[in-house]
């Protein structure tokens, strides 16, 4: 089970990096950021495809997407100076709470 979470963590980091670099790719007109996007998504989806062999696909996707959304939002604030207003911050708190609830209380994480 530990390996599943390690693979999921790597997938989340790869997806977060890829999504964050999408803006820097300027519509895939800049080579290095574009390659990071493509490689990051390839790693991320491959890892997620391995995780769902063991983990419930809905739960795995919720964790993957939720943490990625949270991290991309935080990174966009620091990297691109994109501001987050109070409703956005509240939404991010709800996403984090949802992930915590799934991890702590759900019995359907693995199948």
PDB file of N, CA and C in Angstrom:
ATOM      1  N   UNK A   1       0.821  -1.207   0.000  1.00  0.00           N
ATOM      2  CA  UNK A   1       0.000   0.000   0.000  1.00  0.00           C
ATOM      3  C   UNK A   1       0.861   1.266   0.000  1.00  0.00           C
ATOM      4  N   UNK A   2       2.013   1.199   0.682  1.00  0.00           N
ATOM      5  CA  UNK A   2       2.905   2.353   0.726  1.00  0.00           C
ATOM      6  C   UNK A   2       3.372   2.744  -0.665  1.00  0.00           C
ATOM      7  N   UNK A   3       3.681   1.734  -1.513  1.00  0.00           N
ATOM      8  CA  UNK A   3       4.111   2.021  -2.881  1.00  0.00           C
ATOM      9  C   UNK A   3       3.032   2.727  -3.671  1.00  0.00           C
ATOM     10  N   UNK A   4       1.775   2.397  -3.419  1.00  0.00           N
ATOM     11  CA  UNK A   4       0.663   3.039  -4.116  1.00  0.00           C
ATOM     12  C   UNK A   4       0.647   4.529  -3.798  1.00  0.00           C
ATOM     13  N   UNK A   5       0.834   4.867  -2.535  1.00  0.00           N
ATOM     14  CA  UNK A   5       0.843   6.275  -2.155  1.00  0.00           C
ATOM     15  C   UNK A   5       2.078   6.992  -2.689  1.00  0.00           C
ATOM     16  N   UNK A   6       3.192   6.316  -2.792  1.00  0.00           N
ATOM     17  CA  UNK A   6       4.396   6.914  -3.373  1.00  0.00           C
ATOM     18  C   UNK A   6       4.171   7.211  -4.858  1.00  0.00           C
ATOM     19  N   UNK A   7       3.604   6.247  -5.565  1.00  0.00           N
ATOM     20  CA  UNK A   7       3.303   6.446  -6.990  1.00  0.00           C
ATOM     21  C   UNK A   7       2.283   7.574  -7.162  1.00  0.00           C
ATOM     22  N   UNK A   8       1.264   7.603  -6.302  1.00  0.00           N
ATOM     23  CA  UNK A   8       0.260   8.666  -6.364  1.00  0.00           C
ATOM     24  C   UNK A   8       0.913  10.021  -6.096  1.00  0.00           C
ATOM     25  N   UNK A   9       1.801  10.080  -5.116  1.00  0.00           N
ATOM     26  CA  UNK A   9       2.506  11.324  -4.801  1.00  0.00           C
ATOM     27  C   UNK A   9       3.328  11.802  -5.999  1.00  0.00           C
ATOM     28  N   UNK A  10       4.066  10.900  -6.630  1.00  0.00           N
ATOM     29  CA  UNK A  10       4.865  11.257  -7.810  1.00  0.00           C
ATOM     30  C   UNK A  10       3.951  11.739  -8.932  1.00  0.00           C
ATOM     31  N   UNK A  11       2.817  11.074  -9.113  1.00  0.00           N
ATOM     32  CA  UNK A  11       1.855  11.469 -10.145  1.00  0.00           C
ATOM     33  C   UNK A  11       1.310  12.865  -9.883  1.00  0.00           C
ATOM     34  N   UNK A  12       1.033  13.157  -8.635  1.00  0.00           N
ATOM     35  CA  UNK A  12       0.515  14.476  -8.262  1.00  0.00           C
ATOM     36  C   UNK A  12       1.561  15.556  -8.516  1.00  0.00           C
ATOM     37  N   UNK A  13       2.791  15.296  -8.131  1.00  0.00           N
ATOM     38  CA  UNK A  13       3.864  16.275  -8.350  1.00  0.00           C
ATOM     39  C   UNK A  13       4.075  16.503  -9.847  1.00  0.00           C
ATOM     40  N   UNK A  14       4.069  15.429 -10.638  1.00  0.00           N
ATOM     41  CA  UNK A  14       4.249  15.552 -12.092  1.00  0.00           C
ATOM     42  C   UNK A  14       3.106  16.351 -12.710  1.00  0.00           C
ATOM     43  N   UNK A  15       1.876  16.088 -12.278  1.00  0.00           N
ATOM     44  CA  UNK A  15       0.714  16.805 -12.806  1.00  0.00           C
ATOM     45  C   UNK A  15       0.768  18.276 -12.405  1.00  0.00           C
ATOM     46  N   UNK A  16       1.152  18.532 -11.170  1.00  0.00           N
ATOM     47  CA  UNK A  16       1.248  19.911 -10.687  1.00  0.00           C
ATOM     48  C   UNK A  16       2.295  20.689 -11.481  1.00  0.00           C
ATOM     49  N   UNK A  17       3.448  20.087 -11.696  1.00  0.00           N
ATOM     50  CA  UNK A  17       4.500  20.730 -12.475  1.00  0.00           C
ATOM     51  C   UNK A  17       4.031  20.976 -13.914  1.00  0.00           C
ATOM     52  N   UNK A  18       3.411  19.969 -14.512  1.00  0.00           N
ATOM     53  CA  UNK A  18       2.942  20.097 -15.894  1.00  0.00           C
ATOM     54  C   UNK A  18       1.911  21.213 -16.026  1.00  0.00           C
ATOM     55  N   UNK A  19       0.959  21.243 -15.131  1.00  0.00           N
ATOM     56  CA  UNK A  19      -0.094  22.264 -15.203  1.00  0.00           C
ATOM     57  C   UNK A  19       0.477  23.651 -14.952  1.00  0.00           C
ATOM     58  N   UNK A  20       1.378  23.766 -13.995  1.00  0.00           N
ATOM     59  CA  UNK A  20       2.002  25.060 -13.702  1.00  0.00           C
ATOM     60  C   UNK A  20       2.807  25.562 -14.896  1.00  0.00           C
ATOM     61  N   UNK A  21       3.474  24.660 -15.593  1.00  0.00           N
ATOM     62  CA  UNK A  21       4.284  25.048 -16.746  1.00  0.00           C
ATOM     63  C   UNK A  21       3.456  25.331 -18.004  1.00  0.00           C
ATOM     64  N   UNK A  22       2.176  24.964 -17.989  1.00  0.00           N
ATOM     65  CA  UNK A  22       1.337  25.207 -19.155  1.00  0.00           C
ATOM     66  C   UNK A  22       1.293  26.695 -19.491  1.00  0.00           C
ATOM     67  N   UNK A  23       1.190  27.542 -18.481  1.00  0.00           N
ATOM     68  CA  UNK A  23       1.177  28.989 -18.731  1.00  0.00           C
ATOM     69  C   UNK A  23       2.510  29.431 -19.334  1.00  0.00           C
ATOM     70  N   UNK A  24       3.604  28.911 -18.793  1.00  0.00           N
ATOM     71  CA  UNK A  24       4.940  29.274 -19.298  1.00  0.00           C
ATOM     72  C   UNK A  24       5.170  28.790 -20.730  1.00  0.00           C
ATOM     73  N   UNK A  25       4.437  27.763 -21.148  1.00  0.00           N
ATOM     74  CA  UNK A  25       4.615  27.252 -22.515  1.00  0.00           C
ATOM     75  C   UNK A  25       4.043  28.207 -23.559  1.00  0.00           C
ATOM     76  N   UNK A  26       3.227  29.168 -23.091  1.00  0.00           N
ATOM     77  CA  UNK A  26       2.612  30.158 -23.984  1.00  0.00           C
ATOM     78  C   UNK A  26       1.942  29.493 -25.185  1.00  0.00           C
ATOM     79  N   UNK A  27       1.015  28.589 -24.877  1.00  0.00           N
ATOM     80  CA  UNK A  27       0.274  27.903 -25.940  1.00  0.00           C
ATOM     81  C   UNK A  27       1.136  26.945 -26.736  1.00  0.00           C
ATOM     82  N   UNK A  28       2.087  26.312 -26.056  1.00  0.00           N
ATOM     83  CA  UNK A  28       3.026  25.365 -26.665  1.00  0.00           C
ATOM     84  C   UNK A  28       3.906  26.015 -27.731  1.00  0.00           C
ATOM     85  N   UNK A  29       4.232  27.292 -27.534  1.00  0.00           N
ATOM     86  CA  UNK A  29       5.133  27.976 -28.462  1.00  0.00           C
ATOM     87  C   UNK A  29       6.558  28.056 -27.918  1.00  0.00           C
ATOM     88  N   UNK A  30       6.753  27.679 -26.656  1.00  0.00           N
ATOM     89  CA  UNK A  30       8.087  27.667 -26.052  1.00  0.00           C
ATOM     90  C   UNK A  30       8.468  26.216 -25.783  1.00  0.00           C
ATOM     91  N   UNK A  31       9.618  25.794 -26.302  1.00  0.00           N
ATOM     92  CA  UNK A  31      10.003  24.380 -26.325  1.00  0.00           C
ATOM     93  C   UNK A  31      10.148  23.761 -24.934  1.00  0.00           C
ATOM     94  N   UNK A  32      10.990  24.310 -24.083  1.00  0.00           N
ATOM     95  CA  UNK A  32      11.282  23.670 -22.797  1.00  0.00           C
ATOM     96  C   UNK A  32      10.036  23.573 -21.915  1.00  0.00           C
ATOM     97  N   UNK A  33       9.294  24.658 -21.700  1.00  0.00           N
ATOM     98  CA  UNK A  33       8.074  24.504 -20.902  1.00  0.00           C
ATOM     99  C   UNK A  33       7.077  23.522 -21.533  1.00  0.00           C
ATOM    100  N   UNK A  34       7.012  23.505 -22.864  1.00  0.00           N
ATOM    101  CA  UNK A  34       6.099  22.580 -23.553  1.00  0.00           C
ATOM    102  C   UNK A  34       6.508  21.132 -23.307  1.00  0.00           C
ATOM    103  N   UNK A  35       7.810  20.860 -23.353  1.00  0.00           N
ATOM    104  CA  UNK A  35       8.296  19.505 -23.077  1.00  0.00           C
ATOM    105  C   UNK A  35       8.013  19.096 -21.635  1.00  0.00           C
ATOM    106  N   UNK A  36       8.162  20.042 -20.717  1.00  0.00           N
ATOM    107  CA  UNK A  36       7.864  19.753 -19.307  1.00  0.00           C
ATOM    108  C   UNK A  36       6.382  19.408 -19.139  1.00  0.00           C
ATOM    109  N   UNK A  37       5.527  20.131 -19.837  1.00  0.00           N
ATOM    110  CA  UNK A  37       4.088  19.839 -19.787  1.00  0.00           C
ATOM    111  C   UNK A  37       3.822  18.422 -20.290  1.00  0.00           C
ATOM    112  N   UNK A  38       4.334  18.089 -21.449  1.00  0.00           N
ATOM    113  CA  UNK A  38       4.077  16.782 -22.051  1.00  0.00           C
ATOM    114  C   UNK A  38       4.653  15.634 -21.210  1.00  0.00           C
ATOM    115  N   UNK A  39       5.889  15.789 -20.771  1.00  0.00           N
ATOM    116  CA  UNK A  39       6.516  14.740 -19.966  1.00  0.00           C
ATOM    117  C   UNK A  39       5.839  14.624 -18.602  1.00  0.00           C
ATOM    118  N   UNK A  40       5.510  15.765 -18.012  1.00  0.00           N
ATOM    119  CA  UNK A  40       4.839  15.756 -16.714  1.00  0.00           C
ATOM    120  C   UNK A  40       3.499  15.038 -16.765  1.00  0.00           C
ATOM    121  N   UNK A  41       2.702  15.342 -17.795  1.00  0.00           N
ATOM    122  CA  UNK A  41       1.414  14.657 -17.923  1.00  0.00           C
ATOM    123  C   UNK A  41       1.580  13.174 -18.220  1.00  0.00           C
ATOM    124  N   UNK A  42       2.572  12.825 -19.029  1.00  0.00           N
ATOM    125  CA  UNK A  42       2.814  11.406 -19.325  1.00  0.00           C
ATOM    126  C   UNK A  42       3.153  10.648 -18.045  1.00  0.00           C
ATOM    127  N   UNK A  43       4.042  11.202 -17.241  1.00  0.00           N
ATOM    128  CA  UNK A  43       4.406  10.569 -15.964  1.00  0.00           C
ATOM    129  C   UNK A  43       3.194  10.494 -15.053  1.00  0.00           C
ATOM    130  N   UNK A  44       2.460  11.594 -14.986  1.00  0.00           N
ATOM    131  CA  UNK A  44       1.313  11.663 -14.087  1.00  0.00           C
ATOM    132  C   UNK A  44       0.236  10.640 -14.443  1.00  0.00           C
ATOM    133  N   UNK A  45      -0.138  10.581 -15.704  1.00  0.00           N
ATOM    134  CA  UNK A  45      -1.199   9.650 -16.101  1.00  0.00           C
ATOM    135  C   UNK A  45      -0.735   8.201 -16.036  1.00  0.00           C
ATOM    136  N   UNK A  46       0.522   7.959 -16.338  1.00  0.00           N
ATOM    137  CA  UNK A  46       1.030   6.594 -16.199  1.00  0.00           C
ATOM    138  C   UNK A  46       0.957   6.173 -14.730  1.00  0.00           C
ATOM    139  N   UNK A  47       1.427   7.032 -13.845  1.00  0.00           N
ATOM    140  CA  UNK A  47       1.380   6.720 -12.415  1.00  0.00           C
ATOM    141  C   UNK A  47      -0.040   6.519 -11.931  1.00  0.00           C
ATOM    142  N   UNK A  48      -0.944   7.399 -12.347  1.00  0.00           N
ATOM    143  CA  UNK A  48      -2.348   7.257 -11.934  1.00  0.00           C
ATOM    144  C   UNK A  48      -2.929   5.944 -12.457  1.00  0.00           C
ATOM    145  N   UNK A  49      -2.543   5.546 -13.665  1.00  0.00           N
ATOM    146  CA  UNK A  49      -3.046   4.284 -14.217  1.00  0.00           C
ATOM    147  C   UNK A  49      -2.565   3.083 -13.404  1.00  0.00           C
ATOM    148  N   UNK A  50      -1.398   3.200 -12.778  1.00  0.00           N
ATOM    149  CA  UNK A  50      -0.887   2.125 -11.926  1.00  0.00           C
ATOM    150  C   UNK A  50      -1.613   2.118 -10.574  1.00  0.00           C
ATOM    151  N   UNK A  51      -1.884   3.301 -10.069  1.00  0.00           N
ATOM    152  CA  UNK A  51      -2.556   3.426  -8.771  1.00  0.00           C
ATOM    153  C   UNK A  51      -3.962   2.826  -8.816  1.00  0.00           C
ATOM    154  N   UNK A  52      -4.692   3.063  -9.912  1.00  0.00           N
ATOM    155  CA  UNK A  52      -6.080   2.598  -9.964  1.00  0.00           C
ATOM    156  C   UNK A  52      -6.192   1.084 -10.129  1.00  0.00           C
ATOM    157  N   UNK A  53      -5.072   0.401 -10.293  1.00  0.00           N
ATOM    158  CA  UNK A  53      -5.103  -1.065 -10.265  1.00  0.00           C
ATOM    159  C   UNK A  53      -5.421  -1.556  -8.854  1.00  0.00           C
ATOM    160  N   UNK A  54      -5.055  -0.760  -7.864  1.00  0.00           N
ATOM    161  CA  UNK A  54      -5.221  -1.153  -6.461  1.00  0.00           C
ATOM    162  C   UNK A  54      -6.242  -0.278  -5.743  1.00  0.00           C
ATOM    163  N   UNK A  55      -6.238   1.008  -6.066  1.00  0.00           N
ATOM    164  CA  UNK A  55      -7.087   1.961  -5.366  1.00  0.00           C
ATOM    165  C   UNK A  55      -8.352   2.225  -6.176  1.00  0.00           C
ATOM    166  N   UNK A  56      -9.445   2.457  -5.499  1.00  0.00           N
ATOM    167  CA  UNK A  56     -10.711   2.835  -6.121  1.00  0.00           C
ATOM    168  C   UNK A  56     -10.458   4.028  -7.040  1.00  0.00           C
ATOM    169  N   UNK A  57     -10.890   3.934  -8.302  1.00  0.00           N
ATOM    170  CA  UNK A  57     -10.579   4.971  -9.289  1.00  0.00           C
ATOM    171  C   UNK A  57     -11.151   6.331  -8.903  1.00  0.00           C
ATOM    172  N   UNK A  58     -12.356   6.358  -8.374  1.00  0.00           N
ATOM    173  CA  UNK A  58     -12.958   7.625  -7.970  1.00  0.00           C
ATOM    174  C   UNK A  58     -12.200   8.280  -6.831  1.00  0.00           C
ATOM    175  N   UNK A  59     -11.788   7.476  -5.874  1.00  0.00           N
ATOM    176  CA  UNK A  59     -11.032   7.980  -4.735  1.00  0.00           C
ATOM    177  C   UNK A  59      -9.644   8.430  -5.187  1.00  0.00           C
ATOM    178  N   UNK A  60      -8.969   7.610  -5.983  1.00  0.00           N
ATOM    179  CA  UNK A  60      -7.631   7.961  -6.478  1.00  0.00           C
ATOM    180  C   UNK A  60      -7.681   9.259  -7.270  1.00  0.00           C
ATOM    181  N   UNK A  61      -8.689   9.391  -8.138  1.00  0.00           N
ATOM    182  CA  UNK A  61      -8.808  10.592  -8.951  1.00  0.00           C
ATOM    183  C   UNK A  61      -9.129  11.809  -8.091  1.00  0.00           C
ATOM    184  N   UNK A  62      -9.980  11.635  -7.095  1.00  0.00           N
ATOM    185  CA  UNK A  62     -10.325  12.748  -6.200  1.00  0.00           C
ATOM    186  C   UNK A  62      -9.083  13.245  -5.455  1.00  0.00           C
ATOM    187  N   UNK A  63      -8.291  12.322  -4.962  1.00  0.00           N
ATOM    188  CA  UNK A  63      -7.062  12.695  -4.253  1.00  0.00           C
ATOM    189  C   UNK A  63      -6.085  13.366  -5.211  1.00  0.00           C
ATOM    190  N   UNK A  64      -5.875  12.736  -6.365  1.00  0.00           N
ATOM    191  CA  UNK A  64      -4.945  13.248  -7.382  1.00  0.00           C
ATOM    192  C   UNK A  64      -5.354  14.652  -7.835  1.00  0.00           C
ATOM    193  N   UNK A  65      -6.603  14.801  -8.229  1.00  0.00           N
ATOM    194  CA  UNK A  65      -7.073  16.092  -8.737  1.00  0.00           C
ATOM    195  C   UNK A  65      -7.132  17.134  -7.634  1.00  0.00           C
ATOM    196  N   UNK A  66      -7.642  16.746  -6.470  1.00  0.00           N
ATOM    197  CA  UNK A  66      -7.794  17.706  -5.374  1.00  0.00           C
ATOM    198  C   UNK A  66      -6.469  18.280  -4.918  1.00  0.00           C
ATOM    199  N   UNK A  67      -5.509  17.415  -4.667  1.00  0.00           N
ATOM    200  CA  UNK A  67      -4.195  17.897  -4.221  1.00  0.00           C
ATOM    201  C   UNK A  67      -3.528  18.701  -5.328  1.00  0.00           C
ATOM    202  N   UNK A  68      -3.677  18.248  -6.570  1.00  0.00           N
ATOM    203  CA  UNK A  68      -3.089  18.982  -7.698  1.00  0.00           C
ATOM    204  C   UNK A  68      -3.691  20.379  -7.820  1.00  0.00           C
ATOM    205  N   UNK A  69      -4.999  20.490  -7.712  1.00  0.00           N
ATOM    206  CA  UNK A  69      -5.666  21.800  -7.771  1.00  0.00           C
ATOM    207  C   UNK A  69      -5.141  22.706  -6.668  1.00  0.00           C
ATOM    208  N   UNK A  70      -5.043  22.157  -5.471  1.00  0.00           N
ATOM    209  CA  UNK A  70      -4.559  22.913  -4.326  1.00  0.00           C
ATOM    210  C   UNK A  70      -3.132  23.411  -4.581  1.00  0.00           C
ATOM    211  N   UNK A  71      -2.251  22.511  -5.024  1.00  0.00           N
ATOM    212  CA  UNK A  71      -0.851  22.875  -5.254  1.00  0.00           C
ATOM    213  C   UNK A  71      -0.681  23.851  -6.416  1.00  0.00           C
ATOM    214  N   UNK A  72      -1.411  23.636  -7.510  1.00  0.00           N
ATOM    215  CA  UNK A  72      -1.315  24.546  -8.658  1.00  0.00           C
ATOM    216  C   UNK A  72      -1.782  25.943  -8.256  1.00  0.00           C
ATOM    217  N   UNK A  73      -2.828  26.021  -7.474  1.00  0.00           N
ATOM    218  CA  UNK A  73      -3.327  27.324  -7.025  1.00  0.00           C
ATOM    219  C   UNK A  73      -2.295  28.052  -6.176  1.00  0.00           C
ATOM    220  N   UNK A  74      -1.653  27.323  -5.283  1.00  0.00           N
ATOM    221  CA  UNK A  74      -0.617  27.920  -4.444  1.00  0.00           C
ATOM    222  C   UNK A  74       0.590  28.332  -5.291  1.00  0.00           C
ATOM    223  N   UNK A  75       1.026  27.449  -6.184  1.00  0.00           N
ATOM    224  CA  UNK A  75       2.176  27.776  -7.038  1.00  0.00           C
ATOM    225  C   UNK A  75       1.893  28.959  -7.957  1.00  0.00           C
ATOM    226  N   UNK A  76       0.672  29.041  -8.482  1.00  0.00           N
ATOM    227  CA  UNK A  76       0.348  30.157  -9.376  1.00  0.00           C
ATOM    228  C   UNK A  76       0.418  31.488  -8.630  1.00  0.00           C
ATOM    229  N   UNK A  77       0.136  31.446  -7.341  1.00  0.00           N
ATOM    230  CA  UNK A  77       0.250  32.660  -6.523  1.00  0.00           C
ATOM    231  C   UNK A  77       1.715  33.100  -6.441  1.00  0.00           C
ATOM    232  N   UNK A  78       2.614  32.145  -6.195  1.00  0.00           N
ATOM    233  CA  UNK A  78       4.026  32.471  -6.020  1.00  0.00           C
ATOM    234  C   UNK A  78       4.775  32.639  -7.343  1.00  0.00           C
ATOM    235  N   UNK A  79       4.495  31.786  -8.320  1.00  0.00           N
ATOM    236  CA  UNK A  79       5.246  31.808  -9.579  1.00  0.00           C
ATOM    237  C   UNK A  79       4.743  32.894 -10.523  1.00  0.00           C
ATOM    238  N   UNK A  80       3.416  33.031 -10.643  1.00  0.00           N
ATOM    239  CA  UNK A  80       2.838  33.961 -11.611  1.00  0.00           C
ATOM    240  C   UNK A  80       2.156  35.161 -10.957  1.00  0.00           C
ATOM    241  N   UNK A  81       2.265  35.277  -9.648  1.00  0.00           N
ATOM    242  CA  UNK A  81       1.642  36.361  -8.876  1.00  0.00           C
ATOM    243  C   UNK A  81       0.132  36.469  -9.138  1.00  0.00           C
ATOM    244  N   UNK A  82      -0.515  35.328  -9.330  1.00  0.00           N
ATOM    245  CA  UNK A  82      -1.959  35.308  -9.524  1.00  0.00           C
ATOM    246  C   UNK A  82      -2.619  35.274  -8.153  1.00  0.00           C
ATOM    247  N   UNK A  83      -3.417  36.285  -7.891  1.00  0.00           N
ATOM    248  CA  UNK A  83      -4.026  36.444  -6.572  1.00  0.00           C
ATOM    249  C   UNK A  83      -5.200  35.483  -6.383  1.00  0.00           C
ATOM    250  N   UNK A  84      -5.396  35.095  -5.135  1.00  0.00           N
ATOM    251  CA  UNK A  84      -6.529  34.256  -4.751  1.00  0.00           C
ATOM    252  C   UNK A  84      -7.407  35.068  -3.808  1.00  0.00           C
ATOM    253  N   UNK A  85      -8.686  35.236  -4.166  1.00  0.00           N
ATOM    254  CA  UNK A  85      -9.585  35.983  -3.287  1.00  0.00           C
ATOM    255  C   UNK A  85     -10.168  35.054  -2.228  1.00  0.00           C
ATOM    256  N   UNK A  86     -10.961  35.612  -1.336  1.00  0.00           N
ATOM    257  CA  UNK A  86     -11.495  34.851  -0.213  1.00  0.00           C
ATOM    258  C   UNK A  86     -12.329  33.640  -0.652  1.00  0.00           C
ATOM    259  N   UNK A  87     -13.232  33.768  -1.626  1.00  0.00           N
ATOM    260  CA  UNK A  87     -13.971  32.571  -2.060  1.00  0.00           C
ATOM    261  C   UNK A  87     -13.058  31.475  -2.630  1.00  0.00           C
ATOM    262  N   UNK A  88     -12.009  31.877  -3.349  1.00  0.00           N
ATOM    263  CA  UNK A  88     -11.063  30.890  -3.884  1.00  0.00           C
ATOM    264  C   UNK A  88     -10.335  30.178  -2.750  1.00  0.00           C
ATOM    265  N   UNK A  89      -9.893  30.941  -1.757  1.00  0.00           N
ATOM    266  CA  UNK A  89      -9.213  30.335  -0.607  1.00  0.00           C
ATOM    267  C   UNK A  89     -10.148  29.409   0.160  1.00  0.00           C
ATOM    268  N   UNK A  90     -11.395  29.811   0.313  1.00  0.00           N
ATOM    269  CA  UNK A  90     -12.378  28.971   0.998  1.00  0.00           C
ATOM    270  C   UNK A  90     -12.602  27.675   0.220  1.00  0.00           C
ATOM    271  N   UNK A  91     -12.681  27.775  -1.097  1.00  0.00           N
ATOM    272  CA  UNK A  91     -12.828  26.587  -1.932  1.00  0.00           C
ATOM    273  C   UNK A  91     -11.649  25.643  -1.789  1.00  0.00           C
ATOM    274  N   UNK A  92     -10.452  26.193  -1.725  1.00  0.00           N
ATOM    275  CA  UNK A  92      -9.263  25.367  -1.536  1.00  0.00           C
ATOM    276  C   UNK A  92      -9.275  24.671  -0.180  1.00  0.00           C
ATOM    277  N   UNK A  93      -9.752  25.370   0.843  1.00  0.00           N
ATOM    278  CA  UNK A  93      -9.880  24.753   2.167  1.00  0.00           C
ATOM    279  C   UNK A  93     -10.873  23.593   2.102  1.00  0.00           C
ATOM    280  N   UNK A  94     -11.973  23.777   1.377  1.00  0.00           N
ATOM    281  CA  UNK A  94     -12.962  22.696   1.238  1.00  0.00           C
ATOM    282  C   UNK A  94     -12.375  21.500   0.489  1.00  0.00           C
ATOM    283  N   UNK A  95     -11.573  21.762  -0.538  1.00  0.00           N
ATOM    284  CA  UNK A  95     -10.915  20.664  -1.263  1.00  0.00           C
ATOM    285  C   UNK A  95     -10.002  19.898  -0.320  1.00  0.00           C
ATOM    286  N   UNK A  96      -9.188  20.627   0.441  1.00  0.00           N
ATOM    287  CA  UNK A  96      -8.285  19.983   1.404  1.00  0.00           C
ATOM    288  C   UNK A  96      -9.076  19.184   2.429  1.00  0.00           C
ATOM    289  N   UNK A  97     -10.176  19.749   2.915  1.00  0.00           N
ATOM    290  CA  UNK A  97     -11.011  19.039   3.891  1.00  0.00           C
ATOM    291  C   UNK A  97     -11.589  17.768   3.281  1.00  0.00           C
ATOM    292  N   UNK A  98     -11.996  17.828   2.036  1.00  0.00           N
ATOM    293  CA  UNK A  98     -12.532  16.649   1.362  1.00  0.00           C
ATOM    294  C   UNK A  98     -11.505  15.538   1.246  1.00  0.00           C
ATOM    295  N   UNK A  99     -10.283  15.901   0.919  1.00  0.00           N
ATOM    296  CA  UNK A  99      -9.217  14.905   0.813  1.00  0.00           C
ATOM    297  C   UNK A  99      -8.942  14.272   2.173  1.00  0.00           C
ATOM    298  N   UNK A 100      -8.910  15.097   3.209  1.00  0.00           N
ATOM    299  CA  UNK A 100      -8.677  14.586   4.562  1.00  0.00           C
ATOM    300  C   UNK A 100      -9.804  13.655   4.986  1.00  0.00           C
ATOM    301  N   UNK A 101     -11.034  14.033   4.708  1.00  0.00           N
ATOM    302  CA  UNK A 101     -12.187  13.190   5.055  1.00  0.00           C
ATOM    303  C   UNK A 101     -12.098  11.839   4.348  1.00  0.00           C
ATOM    304  N   UNK A 102     -11.763  11.852   3.063  1.00  0.00           N
ATOM    305  CA  UNK A 102     -11.614  10.601   2.313  1.00  0.00           C
ATOM    306  C   UNK A 102     -10.562   9.713   2.969  1.00  0.00           C
ATOM    307  N   UNK A 103      -9.407  10.295   3.261  1.00  0.00           N
ATOM    308  CA  UNK A 103      -8.304   9.511   3.815  1.00  0.00           C
ATOM    309  C   UNK A 103      -8.594   8.979   5.216  1.00  0.00           C
ATOM    310  N   UNK A 104      -9.257   9.762   6.028  1.00  0.00           N
ATOM    311  CA  UNK A 104      -9.474   9.368   7.417  1.00  0.00           C
ATOM    312  C   UNK A 104     -10.693   8.458   7.587  1.00  0.00           C
ATOM    313  N   UNK A 105     -11.763   8.734   6.851  1.00  0.00           N
ATOM    314  CA  UNK A 105     -13.011   8.044   7.122  1.00  0.00           C
ATOM    315  C   UNK A 105     -13.482   7.048   6.068  1.00  0.00           C
ATOM    316  N   UNK A 106     -12.997   7.153   4.835  1.00  0.00           N
ATOM    317  CA  UNK A 106     -13.504   6.286   3.781  1.00  0.00           C
ATOM    318  C   UNK A 106     -12.918   4.886   3.880  1.00  0.00           C
ATOM    319  N   UNK A 107     -13.775   3.904   3.736  1.00  0.00           N
ATOM    320  CA  UNK A 107     -13.352   2.503   3.703  1.00  0.00           C
ATOM    321  C   UNK A 107     -13.204   2.025   2.255  1.00  0.00           C
ATOM    322  N   UNK A 108     -13.493   2.907   1.293  1.00  0.00           N
ATOM    323  CA  UNK A 108     -13.467   2.500  -0.103  1.00  0.00           C
ATOM    324  C   UNK A 108     -12.214   2.950  -0.834  1.00  0.00           C
ATOM    325  N   UNK A 109     -11.151   3.255  -0.106  1.00  0.00           N
ATOM    326  CA  UNK A 109      -9.917   3.722  -0.744  1.00  0.00           C
ATOM    327  C   UNK A 109      -9.303   2.625  -1.604  1.00  0.00           C
ATOM    328  N   UNK A 110      -9.213   1.403  -1.084  1.00  0.00           N
ATOM    329  CA  UNK A 110      -8.671   0.292  -1.872  1.00  0.00           C
ATOM    330  C   UNK A 110      -9.755  -0.725  -2.144  1.00  0.00           C
ATOM    331  N   UNK A 111      -9.578  -1.468  -3.217  1.00  0.00           N
ATOM    332  CA  UNK A 111     -10.564  -2.513  -3.539  1.00  0.00           C
ATOM    333  C   UNK A 111      -9.882  -3.861  -3.638  1.00  0.00           C
TER     334      UNK A 111
END
